[in-house]
């Protein structure tokens, strides 16, 4: 990894998809030594307006990366831990 990223998980209490996302993020972040935080959207009116229908939401460096489900390979790729492949030629970029 060339840059230090930060992951944020936006969640709400009682959300089973949030539990799944938390497990993936904790595993990947732990393996890659990437810091992460979790924010309960029910504590902010703005978060509720913006993210209510999308939780869990995953931000990387403050930019929305995923919502509903975390794709572990996609997360690793975004953090620089996997090469990016072109769908057309299979080349590593």
Protein backbone atom coordinates (compact mmCIF):
# COMPACT_ATOMS: atom_id res chain seq x y z
CA UNK A 1 0.00 0.00 0.00
CA UNK A 2 1.37 3.40 -0.92
CA UNK A 3 -1.06 5.68 0.93
CA UNK A 4 -2.68 5.40 4.32
CA UNK A 5 -6.44 5.21 3.91
CA UNK A 6 -9.20 5.51 6.48
CA UNK A 7 -12.42 3.47 6.34
CA UNK A 8 -15.68 4.64 7.90
CA UNK A 9 -18.69 2.39 8.39
CA UNK A 10 -22.03 4.20 8.66
CA UNK A 11 -24.47 1.94 10.46
CA UNK A 12 -27.57 1.81 12.62
CA UNK A 13 -28.46 -0.34 15.62
CA UNK A 14 -30.09 -3.69 14.85
CA UNK A 15 -28.92 -3.78 11.23
CA UNK A 16 -27.84 -7.30 10.26
CA UNK A 17 -26.16 -6.05 7.06
CA UNK A 18 -24.17 -3.67 9.26
CA UNK A 19 -23.01 -6.63 11.33
CA UNK A 20 -21.84 -8.38 8.15
CA UNK A 21 -20.09 -5.23 6.88
CA UNK A 22 -18.40 -4.70 10.26
CA UNK A 23 -16.95 -8.22 10.17
CA UNK A 24 -15.51 -7.77 6.65
CA UNK A 25 -14.12 -4.31 7.40
CA UNK A 26 -12.57 -5.42 10.70
CA UNK A 27 -10.87 -8.39 8.99
CA UNK A 28 -9.56 -6.44 5.98
CA UNK A 29 -8.55 -3.37 7.98
CA UNK A 30 -6.79 -5.56 10.53
CA UNK A 31 -4.86 -7.48 7.88
CA UNK A 32 -3.85 -4.30 6.04
CA UNK A 33 -3.31 -2.18 9.15
CA UNK A 34 -5.86 0.39 7.94
CA UNK A 35 -7.66 2.47 10.57
CA UNK A 36 -11.45 2.41 10.58
CA UNK A 37 -14.29 3.98 12.49
CA UNK A 38 -17.99 3.37 12.84
CA UNK A 39 -20.70 6.03 12.98
CA UNK A 40 -24.31 5.45 14.04
CA UNK A 41 -26.46 7.39 11.55
CA UNK A 42 -29.31 7.63 14.08
CA UNK A 43 -27.22 10.15 16.01
CA UNK A 44 -27.31 12.71 13.18
CA UNK A 45 -30.31 14.14 11.34
CA UNK A 46 -28.10 14.82 8.32
CA UNK A 47 -26.80 11.23 8.24
CA UNK A 48 -30.38 9.94 8.54
CA UNK A 49 -31.49 12.09 5.59
CA UNK A 50 -28.52 11.14 3.42
CA UNK A 51 -28.01 7.46 4.27
CA UNK A 52 -31.21 6.08 5.80
CA UNK A 53 -32.06 3.82 2.86
CA UNK A 54 -28.47 2.72 2.16
CA UNK A 55 -26.98 1.44 5.45
CA UNK A 56 -24.50 0.09 5.86
CA UNK A 57 -22.49 2.67 3.93
CA UNK A 58 -18.74 2.37 3.57
CA UNK A 59 -16.61 5.45 3.05
CA UNK A 60 -12.94 5.38 2.13
CA UNK A 61 -11.15 8.64 2.86
CA UNK A 62 -14.54 10.32 3.23
CA UNK A 63 -15.83 9.22 -0.19
CA UNK A 64 -18.70 6.74 -0.51
CA UNK A 65 -17.33 3.39 -1.66
CA UNK A 66 -20.17 0.89 -1.13
CA UNK A 67 -23.54 0.43 0.50
CA UNK A 68 -25.77 -2.46 1.61
CA UNK A 69 -23.07 -5.12 1.18
CA UNK A 70 -19.29 -4.99 1.33
CA UNK A 71 -17.47 -6.79 -1.45
CA UNK A 72 -14.19 -7.83 0.17
CA UNK A 73 -12.21 -7.97 -3.09
CA UNK A 74 -13.49 -4.55 -4.16
CA UNK A 75 -12.59 -3.13 -0.73
CA UNK A 76 -9.09 -4.59 -0.88
CA UNK A 77 -8.65 -3.22 -4.41
CA UNK A 78 -9.76 0.27 -3.30
CA UNK A 79 -7.22 0.13 -0.49
CA UNK A 80 -4.46 -0.77 -2.94
CA UNK A 81 -4.09 -4.37 -1.76
CA UNK A 82 -5.14 -5.97 -5.06
CA UNK A 83 -4.26 -5.07 -8.66
CA UNK A 84 -6.96 -3.63 -10.89
CA UNK A 85 -7.86 -5.88 -13.84
CA UNK A 86 -9.34 -4.69 -17.08
CA UNK A 87 -12.57 -6.51 -17.91
CA UNK A 88 -11.75 -6.45 -21.62
CA UNK A 89 -8.17 -7.72 -21.71
CA UNK A 90 -7.49 -9.19 -18.28
CA UNK A 91 -4.35 -7.08 -17.97
CA UNK A 92 -3.14 -5.95 -14.58
CA UNK A 93 -3.04 -2.16 -14.26
